[in-house]
Amino acid sequence: MTSASSPRPVSALRARMIEDMTVRGFTEETHSNYIREVRAFAAFIRRPPDTATAEDLRRFQLHQTQSGMQPPSINSSVSALRFFFTVTLDRPDLARRLTVVRQPRRLPAVLSVEEITFLLQAAPGPSTRRHSLPPTAPGCASPRWSRSRSAISTPSACCCGLSRAKDAKACPREGGGPRRHAVAAAA
């Protein structure tokens, strides 16, 4: 099976891999990606991929990392090679040697106290929106939206508003449990 962009003949090993992917319902894009990854591995070891050793796989992953390849690209290669060694070659011992690279999570930007103050001051004045719950819940201030609903809806969604978000007391309208305010720690 050859594609229009690849006029060269297909090796028996590549044909078998394509058949294995077709049987499993892989898309054409996955076919080409997996074949490209196996071809890159074969170019790295400078011999057919079915003759690879565990040391070849280790060196290949080390090469990918040292050359600055990003974790998603390395993991794409790992998926293709795992399929190749596990399904096409029936050599799961080599596939187990491949390591998925964890992508470090980036921490979200945290606003400083000054930035939060600026944000709250920039929000429009008091809104006319009111809670649908009765205003007479024991231990609550009057129901209110202290500022624009879209600007600070999380801390103001409780009947207690920002003024009591600093306290460790439970909110009577939230079933008496602990507060669920995202800004309570920053307030």
N, C-alpha and C. Protein backbone atom coordinates (compact mmCIF):
# COMPACT_ATOMS: atom_id res chain seq x y z
N MET A 1 0.85 -1.17 0.00
CA MET A 1 0.00 0.00 0.00
C MET A 1 0.89 1.23 0.00
N THR A 2 0.85 2.02 -1.04
CA THR A 2 1.65 3.24 -1.12
C THR A 2 0.74 4.43 -1.19
N SER A 3 1.25 5.56 -0.71
CA SER A 3 0.47 6.78 -0.80
C SER A 3 0.91 7.55 -2.02
N ALA A 4 0.13 8.54 -2.42
CA ALA A 4 0.43 9.32 -3.60
C ALA A 4 1.73 10.12 -3.44
N SER A 5 2.06 10.51 -2.21
CA SER A 5 3.25 11.33 -1.98
C SER A 5 4.50 10.48 -1.84
N SER A 6 4.37 9.15 -1.73
CA SER A 6 5.51 8.27 -1.53
C SER A 6 5.58 7.24 -2.65
N PRO A 7 6.34 7.53 -3.75
CA PRO A 7 6.37 6.61 -4.88
C PRO A 7 7.24 5.38 -4.63
N ARG A 8 8.07 5.38 -3.59
CA ARG A 8 8.94 4.24 -3.35
C ARG A 8 8.14 3.03 -2.87
N PRO A 9 8.65 1.83 -3.11
CA PRO A 9 7.92 0.62 -2.69
C PRO A 9 7.89 0.50 -1.17
N VAL A 10 6.85 -0.12 -0.69
CA VAL A 10 6.65 -0.28 0.75
C VAL A 10 7.28 -1.60 1.18
N SER A 11 8.06 -1.52 2.25
CA SER A 11 8.68 -2.75 2.77
C SER A 11 7.61 -3.63 3.40
N ALA A 12 7.94 -4.89 3.55
CA ALA A 12 6.99 -5.83 4.16
C ALA A 12 6.68 -5.42 5.59
N LEU A 13 7.68 -4.89 6.29
CA LEU A 13 7.47 -4.46 7.67
C LEU A 13 6.52 -3.27 7.75
N ARG A 14 6.71 -2.29 6.86
CA ARG A 14 5.82 -1.13 6.84
C ARG A 14 4.41 -1.55 6.43
N ALA A 15 4.30 -2.43 5.47
CA ALA A 15 2.98 -2.90 5.03
C ALA A 15 2.26 -3.59 6.18
N ARG A 16 2.99 -4.38 6.94
CA ARG A 16 2.38 -5.06 8.08
C ARG A 16 1.92 -4.05 9.13
N MET A 17 2.73 -3.02 9.39
CA MET A 17 2.35 -2.00 10.36
C MET A 17 1.10 -1.26 9.89
N ILE A 18 1.03 -0.94 8.61
CA ILE A 18 -0.15 -0.27 8.06
C ILE A 18 -1.38 -1.16 8.19
N GLU A 19 -1.23 -2.45 7.92
CA GLU A 19 -2.35 -3.38 8.09
C GLU A 19 -2.80 -3.44 9.53
N ASP A 20 -1.84 -3.48 10.46
CA ASP A 20 -2.19 -3.51 11.89
C ASP A 20 -2.95 -2.26 12.30
N MET A 21 -2.54 -1.12 11.78
CA MET A 21 -3.24 0.13 12.11
C MET A 21 -4.62 0.17 11.47
N THR A 22 -4.73 -0.33 10.24
CA THR A 22 -6.01 -0.34 9.55
C THR A 22 -7.02 -1.23 10.28
N VAL A 23 -6.58 -2.42 10.71
CA VAL A 23 -7.45 -3.34 11.44
C VAL A 23 -7.99 -2.67 12.70
N ARG A 24 -7.18 -1.85 13.33
CA ARG A 24 -7.58 -1.19 14.58
C ARG A 24 -8.32 0.12 14.35
N GLY A 25 -8.54 0.50 13.10
CA GLY A 25 -9.34 1.68 12.79
C GLY A 25 -8.60 3.00 12.96
N PHE A 26 -7.27 2.99 12.87
CA PHE A 26 -6.52 4.23 12.98
C PHE A 26 -6.78 5.09 11.75
N THR A 27 -6.77 6.40 11.93
CA THR A 27 -6.99 7.32 10.81
C THR A 27 -5.74 7.38 9.93
N GLU A 28 -5.91 7.91 8.73
CA GLU A 28 -4.78 8.08 7.81
C GLU A 28 -3.72 8.99 8.42
N GLU A 29 -4.16 9.98 9.15
CA GLU A 29 -3.21 10.89 9.80
C GLU A 29 -2.36 10.13 10.83
N THR A 30 -2.98 9.25 11.59
CA THR A 30 -2.24 8.44 12.55
C THR A 30 -1.28 7.51 11.82
N HIS A 31 -1.73 6.93 10.72
CA HIS A 31 -0.85 6.07 9.90
C HIS A 31 0.43 6.83 9.55
N SER A 32 0.25 8.01 8.97
CA SER A 32 1.43 8.76 8.51
C SER A 32 2.29 9.22 9.68
N ASN A 33 1.67 9.61 10.79
CA ASN A 33 2.45 10.03 11.97
C ASN A 33 3.26 8.87 12.53
N TYR A 34 2.64 7.73 12.70
CA TYR A 34 3.34 6.57 13.26
C TYR A 34 4.47 6.10 12.33
N ILE A 35 4.21 6.09 11.03
CA ILE A 35 5.25 5.68 10.09
C ILE A 35 6.41 6.68 10.11
N ARG A 36 6.10 7.96 10.18
CA ARG A 36 7.14 8.98 10.27
C ARG A 36 8.01 8.78 11.51
N GLU A 37 7.37 8.47 12.65
CA GLU A 37 8.12 8.29 13.91
C GLU A 37 9.01 7.04 13.84
N VAL A 38 8.50 5.96 13.28
CA VAL A 38 9.31 4.74 13.16
C VAL A 38 10.45 4.97 12.18
N ARG A 39 10.17 5.71 11.10
CA ARG A 39 11.22 6.03 10.13
C ARG A 39 12.31 6.88 10.79
N ALA A 40 11.93 7.84 11.63
CA ALA A 40 12.92 8.68 12.33
C ALA A 40 13.77 7.82 13.27
N PHE A 41 13.14 6.87 13.95
CA PHE A 41 13.89 5.97 14.83
C PHE A 41 14.87 5.13 14.02
N ALA A 42 14.43 4.59 12.88
CA ALA A 42 15.31 3.77 12.03
C ALA A 42 16.48 4.60 11.50
N ALA A 43 16.22 5.86 11.16
CA ALA A 43 17.30 6.74 10.70
C ALA A 43 18.30 7.00 11.82
N PHE A 44 17.79 7.11 13.05
CA PHE A 44 18.68 7.36 14.19
C PHE A 44 19.60 6.16 14.44
N ILE A 45 19.05 4.95 14.41
CA ILE A 45 19.89 3.78 14.70
C ILE A 45 20.64 3.28 13.46
N ARG A 46 20.29 3.83 12.29
CA ARG A 46 20.95 3.52 11.01
C ARG A 46 20.86 2.04 10.62
N ARG A 47 19.72 1.46 10.92
CA ARG A 47 19.46 0.08 10.49
C ARG A 47 17.94 -0.16 10.61
N PRO A 48 17.43 -1.27 10.13
CA PRO A 48 15.98 -1.52 10.21
C PRO A 48 15.50 -1.51 11.67
N PRO A 49 14.32 -0.97 11.90
CA PRO A 49 13.83 -0.84 13.28
C PRO A 49 13.53 -2.17 13.96
N ASP A 50 13.32 -3.23 13.20
CA ASP A 50 13.04 -4.52 13.82
C ASP A 50 14.30 -5.16 14.42
N THR A 51 15.47 -4.55 14.19
CA THR A 51 16.72 -5.05 14.77
C THR A 51 17.13 -4.22 16.00
N ALA A 52 16.26 -3.35 16.46
CA ALA A 52 16.58 -2.45 17.57
C ALA A 52 16.75 -3.20 18.89
N THR A 53 17.54 -2.59 19.76
CA THR A 53 17.75 -3.13 21.11
C THR A 53 17.21 -2.14 22.13
N ALA A 54 17.16 -2.56 23.36
CA ALA A 54 16.71 -1.68 24.45
C ALA A 54 17.65 -0.47 24.56
N GLU A 55 18.92 -0.67 24.35
CA GLU A 55 19.88 0.43 24.40
C GLU A 55 19.62 1.43 23.28
N ASP A 56 19.21 0.96 22.11
CA ASP A 56 18.87 1.87 21.01
C ASP A 56 17.69 2.76 21.39
N LEU A 57 16.70 2.18 22.01
CA LEU A 57 15.54 2.97 22.44
C LEU A 57 15.93 4.01 23.49
N ARG A 58 16.77 3.61 24.44
CA ARG A 58 17.22 4.54 25.47
C ARG A 58 18.00 5.70 24.84
N ARG A 59 18.91 5.39 23.93
CA ARG A 59 19.71 6.43 23.28
C ARG A 59 18.82 7.36 22.44
N PHE A 60 17.80 6.79 21.78
CA PHE A 60 16.90 7.59 20.96
C PHE A 60 16.12 8.59 21.82
N GLN A 61 15.59 8.12 22.94
CA GLN A 61 14.85 9.03 23.82
C GLN A 61 15.78 10.08 24.43
N LEU A 62 16.97 9.70 24.76
CA LEU A 62 17.95 10.65 25.28
C LEU A 62 18.27 11.70 24.21
N HIS A 63 18.44 11.25 22.98
CA HIS A 63 18.71 12.17 21.87
C HIS A 63 17.55 13.16 21.69
N GLN A 64 16.33 12.67 21.74
CA GLN A 64 15.16 13.55 21.59
C GLN A 64 15.14 14.61 22.68
N THR A 65 15.40 14.21 23.92
CA THR A 65 15.37 15.15 25.04
C THR A 65 16.49 16.17 24.91
N GLN A 66 17.69 15.70 24.60
CA GLN A 66 18.84 16.60 24.51
C GLN A 66 18.76 17.55 23.32
N SER A 67 18.05 17.15 22.28
CA SER A 67 17.92 18.03 21.12
C SER A 67 16.82 19.08 21.31
N GLY A 68 16.17 19.07 22.46
CA GLY A 68 15.17 20.09 22.77
C GLY A 68 13.76 19.76 22.32
N MET A 69 13.51 18.53 21.97
CA MET A 69 12.17 18.13 21.55
C MET A 69 11.23 18.25 22.76
N GLN A 70 10.06 18.79 22.54
CA GLN A 70 9.09 19.01 23.60
C GLN A 70 8.38 17.71 24.00
N PRO A 71 7.92 17.60 25.25
CA PRO A 71 7.26 16.38 25.71
C PRO A 71 6.13 15.86 24.83
N PRO A 72 5.25 16.70 24.29
CA PRO A 72 4.20 16.14 23.43
C PRO A 72 4.76 15.42 22.20
N SER A 73 5.82 15.95 21.62
CA SER A 73 6.42 15.32 20.45
C SER A 73 7.11 14.01 20.83
N ILE A 74 7.80 14.02 21.97
CA ILE A 74 8.44 12.79 22.44
C ILE A 74 7.39 11.73 22.71
N ASN A 75 6.30 12.11 23.33
CA ASN A 75 5.24 11.17 23.66
C ASN A 75 4.55 10.62 22.41
N SER A 76 4.46 11.42 21.37
CA SER A 76 3.93 10.94 20.09
C SER A 76 4.83 9.84 19.54
N SER A 77 6.12 10.06 19.65
CA SER A 77 7.09 9.06 19.22
C SER A 77 6.98 7.79 20.06
N VAL A 78 6.81 7.95 21.36
CA VAL A 78 6.66 6.81 22.27
C VAL A 78 5.43 5.99 21.88
N SER A 79 4.33 6.66 21.58
CA SER A 79 3.11 5.94 21.19
C SER A 79 3.32 5.14 19.91
N ALA A 80 3.95 5.76 18.94
CA ALA A 80 4.19 5.08 17.66
C ALA A 80 5.12 3.88 17.85
N LEU A 81 6.19 4.07 18.60
CA LEU A 81 7.15 2.98 18.79
C LEU A 81 6.57 1.87 19.66
N ARG A 82 5.75 2.23 20.65
CA ARG A 82 5.08 1.19 21.46
C ARG A 82 4.19 0.35 20.58
N PHE A 83 3.43 1.00 19.71
CA PHE A 83 2.56 0.25 18.80
C PHE A 83 3.40 -0.66 17.91
N PHE A 84 4.45 -0.10 17.34
CA PHE A 84 5.30 -0.85 16.43
C PHE A 84 5.89 -2.09 17.11
N PHE A 85 6.46 -1.90 18.30
CA PHE A 85 7.11 -3.03 18.96
C PHE A 85 6.11 -4.01 19.58
N THR A 86 5.01 -3.51 20.10
CA THR A 86 4.04 -4.38 20.76
C THR A 86 3.17 -5.13 19.76
N VAL A 87 2.62 -4.42 18.79
CA VAL A 87 1.65 -5.03 17.87
C VAL A 87 2.32 -5.61 16.63
N THR A 88 3.07 -4.77 15.94
CA THR A 88 3.64 -5.22 14.67
C THR A 88 4.73 -6.26 14.85
N LEU A 89 5.64 -6.04 15.80
CA LEU A 89 6.76 -6.97 15.99
C LEU A 89 6.52 -8.01 17.09
N ASP A 90 5.49 -7.80 17.91
CA ASP A 90 5.22 -8.68 19.06
C ASP A 90 6.45 -8.80 19.96
N ARG A 91 7.00 -7.62 20.30
CA ARG A 91 8.15 -7.55 21.21
C ARG A 91 7.83 -6.57 22.33
N PRO A 92 6.89 -6.91 23.21
CA PRO A 92 6.50 -5.98 24.27
C PRO A 92 7.63 -5.68 25.25
N ASP A 93 8.64 -6.55 25.30
CA ASP A 93 9.77 -6.30 26.19
C ASP A 93 10.47 -4.99 25.81
N LEU A 94 10.56 -4.68 24.52
CA LEU A 94 11.17 -3.42 24.10
C LEU A 94 10.23 -2.24 24.33
N ALA A 95 8.94 -2.45 24.11
CA ALA A 95 7.97 -1.37 24.29
C ALA A 95 7.95 -0.88 25.73
N ARG A 96 8.18 -1.79 26.68
CA ARG A 96 8.19 -1.40 28.09
C ARG A 96 9.35 -0.47 28.42
N ARG A 97 10.38 -0.46 27.60
CA ARG A 97 11.55 0.39 27.84
C ARG A 97 11.28 1.86 27.50
N LEU A 98 10.24 2.12 26.74
CA LEU A 98 9.93 3.49 26.34
C LEU A 98 9.26 4.24 27.49
N THR A 99 9.68 5.46 27.69
CA THR A 99 9.20 6.26 28.82
C THR A 99 8.39 7.46 28.33
N VAL A 100 7.19 7.60 28.87
CA VAL A 100 6.38 8.78 28.59
C VAL A 100 6.98 9.94 29.39
N VAL A 101 7.11 11.09 28.74
CA VAL A 101 7.69 12.26 29.38
C VAL A 101 6.55 13.12 29.92
N ARG A 102 6.61 13.42 31.17
CA ARG A 102 5.59 14.28 31.78
C ARG A 102 5.87 15.73 31.40
N GLN A 103 4.82 16.41 31.01
CA GLN A 103 4.97 17.82 30.70
C GLN A 103 4.74 18.61 31.98
N PRO A 104 5.70 19.44 32.36
CA PRO A 104 5.51 20.19 33.60
C PRO A 104 4.31 21.12 33.51
N ARG A 105 3.55 21.15 34.58
CA ARG A 105 2.39 22.04 34.61
C ARG A 105 2.87 23.44 34.92
N ARG A 106 2.32 24.38 34.21
CA ARG A 106 2.64 25.77 34.46
C ARG A 106 1.66 26.31 35.48
N LEU A 107 2.19 26.96 36.49
CA LEU A 107 1.33 27.54 37.50
C LEU A 107 0.61 28.75 36.93
N PRO A 108 -0.65 28.92 37.28
CA PRO A 108 -1.37 30.09 36.79
C PRO A 108 -0.82 31.35 37.45
N ALA A 109 -0.96 32.45 36.77
CA ALA A 109 -0.53 33.72 37.33
C ALA A 109 -1.41 34.04 38.53
N VAL A 110 -0.79 34.41 39.63
CA VAL A 110 -1.52 34.76 40.84
C VAL A 110 -1.45 36.26 41.00
N LEU A 111 -2.60 36.87 41.20
CA LEU A 111 -2.64 38.31 41.35
C LEU A 111 -2.11 38.73 42.72
N SER A 112 -1.39 39.83 42.73
CA SER A 112 -0.91 40.38 44.00
C SER A 112 -2.07 41.09 44.68
N VAL A 113 -1.89 41.45 45.93
CA VAL A 113 -2.92 42.16 46.68
C VAL A 113 -3.24 43.48 45.99
N GLU A 114 -2.19 44.16 45.49
CA GLU A 114 -2.40 45.44 44.80
C GLU A 114 -3.21 45.24 43.52
N GLU A 115 -2.94 44.17 42.78
CA GLU A 115 -3.67 43.90 41.55
C GLU A 115 -5.13 43.56 41.84
N ILE A 116 -5.39 42.82 42.91
CA ILE A 116 -6.77 42.51 43.29
C ILE A 116 -7.50 43.78 43.68
N THR A 117 -6.84 44.64 44.44
CA THR A 117 -7.43 45.92 44.84
C THR A 117 -7.77 46.75 43.61
N PHE A 118 -6.85 46.82 42.66
CA PHE A 118 -7.08 47.57 41.43
C PHE A 118 -8.26 46.98 40.66
N LEU A 119 -8.35 45.65 40.60
CA LEU A 119 -9.45 44.99 39.90
C LEU A 119 -10.79 45.32 40.55
N LEU A 120 -10.83 45.26 41.86
CA LEU A 120 -12.08 45.55 42.56
C LEU A 120 -12.47 47.02 42.42
N GLN A 121 -11.50 47.91 42.42
CA GLN A 121 -11.80 49.33 42.26
C GLN A 121 -12.27 49.64 40.84
N ALA A 122 -11.80 48.88 39.87
CA ALA A 122 -12.18 49.11 38.47
C ALA A 122 -13.57 48.58 38.17
N ALA A 123 -14.10 47.69 39.00
CA ALA A 123 -15.42 47.11 38.76
C ALA A 123 -16.48 48.19 38.97
N PRO A 124 -17.59 48.10 38.23
CA PRO A 124 -18.67 49.08 38.40
C PRO A 124 -19.25 49.04 39.82
N GLY A 125 -20.01 50.04 40.16
CA GLY A 125 -20.59 50.17 41.50
C GLY A 125 -21.58 49.07 41.82
N PRO A 126 -22.28 49.19 42.96
CA PRO A 126 -23.22 48.15 43.40
C PRO A 126 -24.28 47.85 42.34
N SER A 127 -24.61 46.60 42.26
CA SER A 127 -25.58 46.14 41.29
C SER A 127 -26.95 46.04 41.96
N THR A 128 -27.97 45.98 41.14
CA THR A 128 -29.32 45.84 41.67
C THR A 128 -29.73 44.39 41.78
N ARG A 129 -28.86 43.45 41.39
CA ARG A 129 -29.20 42.03 41.47
C ARG A 129 -29.30 41.62 42.93
N ARG A 130 -30.23 40.73 43.20
CA ARG A 130 -30.43 40.22 44.55
C ARG A 130 -30.47 38.70 44.52
N HIS A 131 -30.17 38.08 45.64
CA HIS A 131 -30.30 36.64 45.76
C HIS A 131 -31.75 36.23 45.66
N SER A 132 -31.99 35.02 45.21
CA SER A 132 -33.36 34.53 45.17
C SER A 132 -33.75 33.93 46.52
N LEU A 133 -32.78 33.70 47.41
CA LEU A 133 -33.07 33.17 48.74
C LEU A 133 -33.60 34.28 49.64
N PRO A 134 -34.37 33.95 50.65
CA PRO A 134 -34.91 34.99 51.53
C PRO A 134 -33.77 35.70 52.28
N PRO A 135 -33.92 37.02 52.53
CA PRO A 135 -32.86 37.80 53.15
C PRO A 135 -32.72 37.58 54.65
N THR A 136 -33.51 36.71 55.22
CA THR A 136 -33.52 36.58 56.68
C THR A 136 -32.82 35.34 57.19
N ALA A 137 -31.85 34.82 56.46
CA ALA A 137 -31.13 33.65 56.95
C ALA A 137 -30.38 34.04 58.21
N PRO A 138 -30.44 33.22 59.27
CA PRO A 138 -29.80 33.60 60.52
C PRO A 138 -28.28 33.75 60.36
N GLY A 139 -27.76 34.84 60.89
CA GLY A 139 -26.32 35.07 60.88
C GLY A 139 -25.81 35.71 59.60
N CYS A 140 -26.70 36.13 58.70
CA CYS A 140 -26.25 36.69 57.43
C CYS A 140 -26.47 38.19 57.39
N ALA A 141 -25.61 38.84 56.67
CA ALA A 141 -25.85 40.24 56.34
C ALA A 141 -26.92 40.24 55.26
N SER A 142 -27.34 41.40 54.85
CA SER A 142 -28.38 41.44 53.82
C SER A 142 -27.85 40.86 52.52
N PRO A 143 -28.70 40.18 51.76
CA PRO A 143 -28.23 39.60 50.51
C PRO A 143 -27.84 40.71 49.55
N ARG A 144 -26.74 40.50 48.85
CA ARG A 144 -26.26 41.56 47.98
C ARG A 144 -25.25 41.01 46.99
N TRP A 145 -25.03 41.79 46.00
CA TRP A 145 -23.88 41.63 45.11
C TRP A 145 -23.05 42.87 45.37
N SER A 146 -21.89 42.71 45.97
CA SER A 146 -21.15 43.88 46.41
C SER A 146 -20.64 44.72 45.25
N ARG A 147 -20.38 44.12 44.13
CA ARG A 147 -19.97 44.84 42.91
C ARG A 147 -20.52 44.08 41.72
N SER A 148 -20.01 44.36 40.57
CA SER A 148 -20.49 43.72 39.36
C SER A 148 -20.46 42.20 39.51
N ARG A 149 -21.51 41.53 39.11
CA ARG A 149 -21.60 40.08 39.25
C ARG A 149 -20.50 39.38 38.47
N SER A 150 -20.18 39.87 37.29
CA SER A 150 -19.16 39.21 36.48
C SER A 150 -17.76 39.43 37.03
N ALA A 151 -17.52 40.53 37.71
CA ALA A 151 -16.18 40.84 38.19
C ALA A 151 -15.79 39.97 39.38
N ILE A 152 -16.71 39.77 40.33
CA ILE A 152 -16.36 39.00 41.52
C ILE A 152 -17.51 38.10 41.93
N SER A 153 -17.98 37.29 41.01
CA SER A 153 -19.14 36.46 41.29
C SER A 153 -18.84 35.35 42.28
N THR A 154 -17.62 34.82 42.32
CA THR A 154 -17.34 33.70 43.22
C THR A 154 -17.45 34.10 44.69
N PRO A 155 -16.76 35.17 45.16
CA PRO A 155 -16.89 35.49 46.58
C PRO A 155 -18.23 36.10 46.94
N SER A 156 -18.91 36.72 45.99
CA SER A 156 -20.18 37.37 46.31
C SER A 156 -21.36 36.44 46.14
N ALA A 157 -21.15 35.25 45.59
CA ALA A 157 -22.26 34.34 45.37
C ALA A 157 -22.86 33.89 46.69
N CYS A 158 -22.08 33.89 47.73
CA CYS A 158 -22.58 33.56 49.06
C CYS A 158 -23.28 34.78 49.62
N CYS A 159 -24.23 34.55 50.47
CA CYS A 159 -24.97 35.66 51.05
C CYS A 159 -24.10 36.54 51.94
N CYS A 160 -22.97 36.04 52.36
CA CYS A 160 -22.13 36.77 53.30
C CYS A 160 -21.22 37.77 52.61
N GLY A 161 -20.97 37.65 51.34
CA GLY A 161 -20.16 38.61 50.61
C GLY A 161 -18.72 38.63 51.06
N LEU A 162 -17.98 39.60 50.57
CA LEU A 162 -16.56 39.70 50.87
C LEU A 162 -16.28 40.11 52.31
N SER A 163 -17.20 40.83 52.93
CA SER A 163 -16.93 41.34 54.27
C SER A 163 -16.70 40.22 55.27
N ARG A 164 -17.34 39.06 55.08
CA ARG A 164 -17.15 37.95 56.00
C ARG A 164 -16.31 36.83 55.40
N ALA A 165 -15.80 37.01 54.19
CA ALA A 165 -15.01 35.97 53.55
C ALA A 165 -13.72 35.71 54.30
N LYS A 166 -13.25 36.72 55.06
CA LYS A 166 -12.02 36.55 55.83
C LYS A 166 -12.22 35.65 57.03
N ASP A 167 -13.46 35.61 57.55
CA ASP A 167 -13.74 34.83 58.75
C ASP A 167 -13.69 33.35 58.45
N ALA A 168 -13.42 32.55 59.45
CA ALA A 168 -13.38 31.10 59.30
C ALA A 168 -14.74 30.48 59.58
N LYS A 169 -15.75 31.32 59.81
CA LYS A 169 -17.08 30.81 60.14
C LYS A 169 -17.74 30.20 58.91
N ALA A 170 -18.70 29.32 59.16
CA ALA A 170 -19.42 28.68 58.07
C ALA A 170 -20.53 29.59 57.58
N CYS A 171 -20.87 29.45 56.35
CA CYS A 171 -21.95 30.23 55.76
C CYS A 171 -23.26 29.49 56.00
N PRO A 172 -24.25 30.15 56.58
CA PRO A 172 -25.52 29.47 56.88
C PRO A 172 -26.28 29.05 55.63
N ARG A 173 -26.12 29.73 54.52
CA ARG A 173 -26.85 29.37 53.30
C ARG A 173 -26.15 28.28 52.51
N GLU A 174 -24.93 27.94 52.84
CA GLU A 174 -24.24 26.87 52.13
C GLU A 174 -24.23 25.60 52.97
N GLY A 175 -25.24 25.41 53.76
CA GLY A 175 -25.39 24.19 54.53
C GLY A 175 -24.50 24.13 55.76
N GLY A 176 -23.97 25.26 56.19
CA GLY A 176 -23.17 25.28 57.40
C GLY A 176 -21.76 24.75 57.22
N GLY A 177 -21.39 24.37 56.01
CA GLY A 177 -20.04 23.84 55.77
C GLY A 177 -19.03 24.95 55.62
N PRO A 178 -17.80 24.57 55.35
CA PRO A 178 -16.76 25.59 55.20
C PRO A 178 -17.01 26.44 53.96
N ARG A 179 -16.48 27.64 53.97
CA ARG A 179 -16.65 28.55 52.83
C ARG A 179 -15.96 27.99 51.61
N ARG A 180 -16.52 28.31 50.46
CA ARG A 180 -15.92 27.87 49.21
C ARG A 180 -15.46 29.08 48.38
N HIS A 181 -15.01 30.10 49.03
CA HIS A 181 -14.60 31.31 48.32
C HIS A 181 -13.19 31.18 47.82
N ALA A 182 -12.99 31.49 46.53
CA ALA A 182 -11.65 31.43 45.95
C ALA A 182 -10.79 32.59 46.44
N VAL A 183 -11.42 33.70 46.79
CA VAL A 183 -10.66 34.89 47.18
C VAL A 183 -10.49 34.96 48.68
N ALA A 184 -11.11 34.04 49.43
CA ALA A 184 -11.07 34.12 50.90
C ALA A 184 -9.64 34.12 51.43
N ALA A 185 -8.76 33.35 50.81
CA ALA A 185 -7.38 33.30 51.28
C ALA A 185 -6.65 34.59 50.98
N ALA A 186 -7.02 35.27 49.87
CA ALA A 186 -6.33 36.49 49.49
C ALA A 186 -6.88 37.70 50.23
N ALA A 187 -8.11 37.59 50.76
CA ALA A 187 -8.74 38.75 51.40
C ALA A 187 -8.14 39.04 52.76
